[in-house]
Amino acid sequence: MMLVQGVWHALRVVSAAMFWLMTIGLVWAGLAMMGSDSHWGWADLAVATGIFAARGLISPRFVPVGASYVIGFAAQLIFLMIAALLTGYTVS
């Protein structure tokens, strides 16, 4: 049981740091893309704002703070995967 608690704690810590880095990154990318590809810029800003607000609203009521960071970071990763599929991005 201690192993599971340790893994969950590590996941919460890493997700909290990555949530804030990804939020800053999405806002930065959204503002940077306003000049060239504005619909993806607005999508980045909307996702960053929406997930930030949703995490603040669900955190105290439904899930603990650590779990909200894990859920928020997972939502950001899902958005990035969907955006990569829609734009045809390939890793070479």
C-alpha atoms as a PDB file:
ATOM      1  CA  MET A   1       0.000   0.000   0.000  1.00  0.00           C
ATOM      2  CA  MET A   2       2.897   2.320   0.698  1.00  0.00           C
ATOM      3  CA  LEU A   3       4.126   1.899  -2.877  1.00  0.00           C
ATOM      4  CA  VAL A   4       0.753   2.924  -4.283  1.00  0.00           C
ATOM      5  CA  GLN A   5       0.643   5.970  -2.002  1.00  0.00           C
ATOM      6  CA  GLY A   6       4.166   6.931  -3.064  1.00  0.00           C
ATOM      7  CA  VAL A   7       3.331   6.618  -6.759  1.00  0.00           C
ATOM      8  CA  TRP A   8       0.140   8.659  -6.288  1.00  0.00           C
ATOM      9  CA  HIS A   9       2.082  11.359  -4.432  1.00  0.00           C
ATOM     10  CA  ALA A  10       4.724  11.486  -7.178  1.00  0.00           C
ATOM     11  CA  LEU A  11       1.990  11.720  -9.823  1.00  0.00           C
ATOM     12  CA  ARG A  12       0.334  14.618  -7.988  1.00  0.00           C
ATOM     13  CA  VAL A  13       3.618  16.509  -7.596  1.00  0.00           C
ATOM     14  CA  VAL A  14       4.654  16.058 -11.223  1.00  0.00           C
ATOM     15  CA  SER A  15       1.151  16.880 -12.477  1.00  0.00           C
ATOM     16  CA  ALA A  16       0.990  20.078 -10.420  1.00  0.00           C
ATOM     17  CA  ALA A  17       4.260  21.323 -11.899  1.00  0.00           C
ATOM     18  CA  MET A  18       3.342  20.284 -15.426  1.00  0.00           C
ATOM     19  CA  PHE A  19      -0.152  21.794 -15.118  1.00  0.00           C
ATOM     20  CA  TRP A  20       1.285  25.246 -14.428  1.00  0.00           C
ATOM     21  CA  LEU A  21       3.979  24.918 -17.102  1.00  0.00           C
ATOM     22  CA  MET A  22       1.432  23.770 -19.690  1.00  0.00           C
ATOM     23  CA  THR A  23      -0.986  26.549 -18.735  1.00  0.00           C
ATOM     24  CA  ILE A  24       1.734  29.144 -19.261  1.00  0.00           C
ATOM     25  CA  GLY A  25       2.756  27.396 -22.481  1.00  0.00           C
ATOM     26  CA  LEU A  26      -0.795  27.310 -23.846  1.00  0.00           C
ATOM     27  CA  VAL A  27      -1.314  31.004 -23.106  1.00  0.00           C
ATOM     28  CA  TRP A  28       2.026  31.854 -24.693  1.00  0.00           C
ATOM     29  CA  ALA A  29       1.312  29.703 -27.762  1.00  0.00           C
ATOM     30  CA  GLY A  30      -2.182  31.160 -28.055  1.00  0.00           C
ATOM     31  CA  LEU A  31      -0.871  34.706 -28.056  1.00  0.00           C
ATOM     32  CA  ALA A  32       1.943  33.810 -30.457  1.00  0.00           C
ATOM     33  CA  MET A  33      -0.441  32.200 -32.955  1.00  0.00           C
ATOM     34  CA  MET A  34      -2.832  35.131 -33.049  1.00  0.00           C
ATOM     35  CA  GLY A  35      -1.013  36.640 -36.003  1.00  0.00           C
ATOM     36  CA  SER A  36      -0.686  33.569 -38.198  1.00  0.00           C
ATOM     37  CA  ASP A  37      -3.333  31.007 -37.315  1.00  0.00           C
ATOM     38  CA  SER A  38      -5.822  32.745 -35.095  1.00  0.00           C
ATOM     39  CA  HIS A  39      -8.374  29.935 -34.651  1.00  0.00           C
ATOM     40  CA  TRP A  40      -5.742  27.720 -32.988  1.00  0.00           C
ATOM     41  CA  GLY A  41      -4.582  30.705 -30.956  1.00  0.00           C
ATOM     42  CA  TRP A  42      -8.083  31.250 -29.641  1.00  0.00           C
ATOM     43  CA  ALA A  43      -8.448  27.520 -29.009  1.00  0.00           C
ATOM     44  CA  ASP A  44      -5.249  27.485 -26.934  1.00  0.00           C
ATOM     45  CA  LEU A  45      -6.398  30.458 -24.879  1.00  0.00           C
ATOM     46  CA  ALA A  46      -9.869  28.977 -24.400  1.00  0.00           C
ATOM     47  CA  VAL A  47      -8.508  25.608 -23.271  1.00  0.00           C
ATOM     48  CA  ALA A  48      -6.012  27.188 -20.867  1.00  0.00           C
ATOM     49  CA  THR A  49      -8.679  29.440 -19.360  1.00  0.00           C
ATOM     50  CA  GLY A  50     -11.346  26.736 -19.279  1.00  0.00           C
ATOM     51  CA  ILE A  51      -9.202  24.102 -17.610  1.00  0.00           C
ATOM     52  CA  PHE A  52      -7.854  26.637 -15.122  1.00  0.00           C
ATOM     53  CA  ALA A  53     -11.382  27.729 -14.183  1.00  0.00           C
ATOM     54  CA  ALA A  54     -12.719  24.171 -14.086  1.00  0.00           C
ATOM     55  CA  ARG A  55      -9.877  23.054 -11.822  1.00  0.00           C
ATOM     56  CA  GLY A  56     -10.648  25.928  -9.464  1.00  0.00           C
ATOM     57  CA  LEU A  57     -14.348  25.112  -9.425  1.00  0.00           C
ATOM     58  CA  ILE A  58     -14.179  21.328  -9.010  1.00  0.00           C
ATOM     59  CA  SER A  59     -11.207  21.210  -6.672  1.00  0.00           C
ATOM     60  CA  PRO A  60     -12.759  22.259  -3.373  1.00  0.00           C
ATOM     61  CA  ARG A  61     -16.126  20.587  -3.950  1.00  0.00           C
ATOM     62  CA  PHE A  62     -15.657  17.255  -5.665  1.00  0.00           C
ATOM     63  CA  VAL A  63     -12.016  16.154  -5.657  1.00  0.00           C
ATOM     64  CA  PRO A  64      -8.921  16.945  -3.582  1.00  0.00           C
ATOM     65  CA  VAL A  65      -6.502  19.572  -4.868  1.00  0.00           C
ATOM     66  CA  GLY A  66      -3.872  17.031  -5.906  1.00  0.00           C
ATOM     67  CA  ALA A  67      -6.358  15.051  -7.949  1.00  0.00           C
ATOM     68  CA  SER A  68      -7.538  18.204  -9.714  1.00  0.00           C
ATOM     69  CA  TYR A  69      -3.995  18.836 -10.918  1.00  0.00           C
ATOM     70  CA  VAL A  70      -3.803  15.293 -12.308  1.00  0.00           C
ATOM     71  CA  ILE A  71      -7.170  15.694 -14.057  1.00  0.00           C
ATOM     72  CA  GLY A  72      -6.253  19.154 -15.385  1.00  0.00           C
ATOM     73  CA  PHE A  73      -2.912  18.015 -16.771  1.00  0.00           C
ATOM     74  CA  ALA A  74      -4.547  14.984 -18.380  1.00  0.00           C
ATOM     75  CA  ALA A  75      -7.107  17.285 -20.028  1.00  0.00           C
ATOM     76  CA  GLN A  76      -4.296  19.459 -21.408  1.00  0.00           C
ATOM     77  CA  LEU A  77      -2.527  16.411 -22.830  1.00  0.00           C
ATOM     78  CA  ILE A  78      -5.756  15.218 -24.453  1.00  0.00           C
ATOM     79  CA  PHE A  79      -6.232  18.646 -26.050  1.00  0.00           C
ATOM     80  CA  LEU A  80      -2.688  18.574 -27.422  1.00  0.00           C
ATOM     81  CA  MET A  81      -3.192  15.072 -28.852  1.00  0.00           C
ATOM     82  CA  ILE A  82      -6.430  16.110 -30.549  1.00  0.00           C
ATOM     83  CA  ALA A  83      -4.774  19.255 -31.934  1.00  0.00           C
ATOM     84  CA  ALA A  84      -1.884  17.171 -33.276  1.00  0.00           C
ATOM     85  CA  LEU A  85      -4.298  14.785 -34.989  1.00  0.00           C
ATOM     86  CA  LEU A  86      -6.341  17.597 -36.547  1.00  0.00           C
ATOM     87  CA  THR A  87      -3.322  19.480 -37.861  1.00  0.00           C
ATOM     88  CA  GLY A  88      -1.565  16.385 -39.203  1.00  0.00           C
ATOM     89  CA  TYR A  89       1.508  16.873 -37.006  1.00  0.00           C
ATOM     90  CA  THR A  90       4.030  14.056 -37.306  1.00  0.00           C
ATOM     91  CA  VAL A  91       7.208  13.479 -35.361  1.00  0.00           C
ATOM     92  CA  SER A  92      10.149  12.906 -37.644  1.00  0.00           C
END
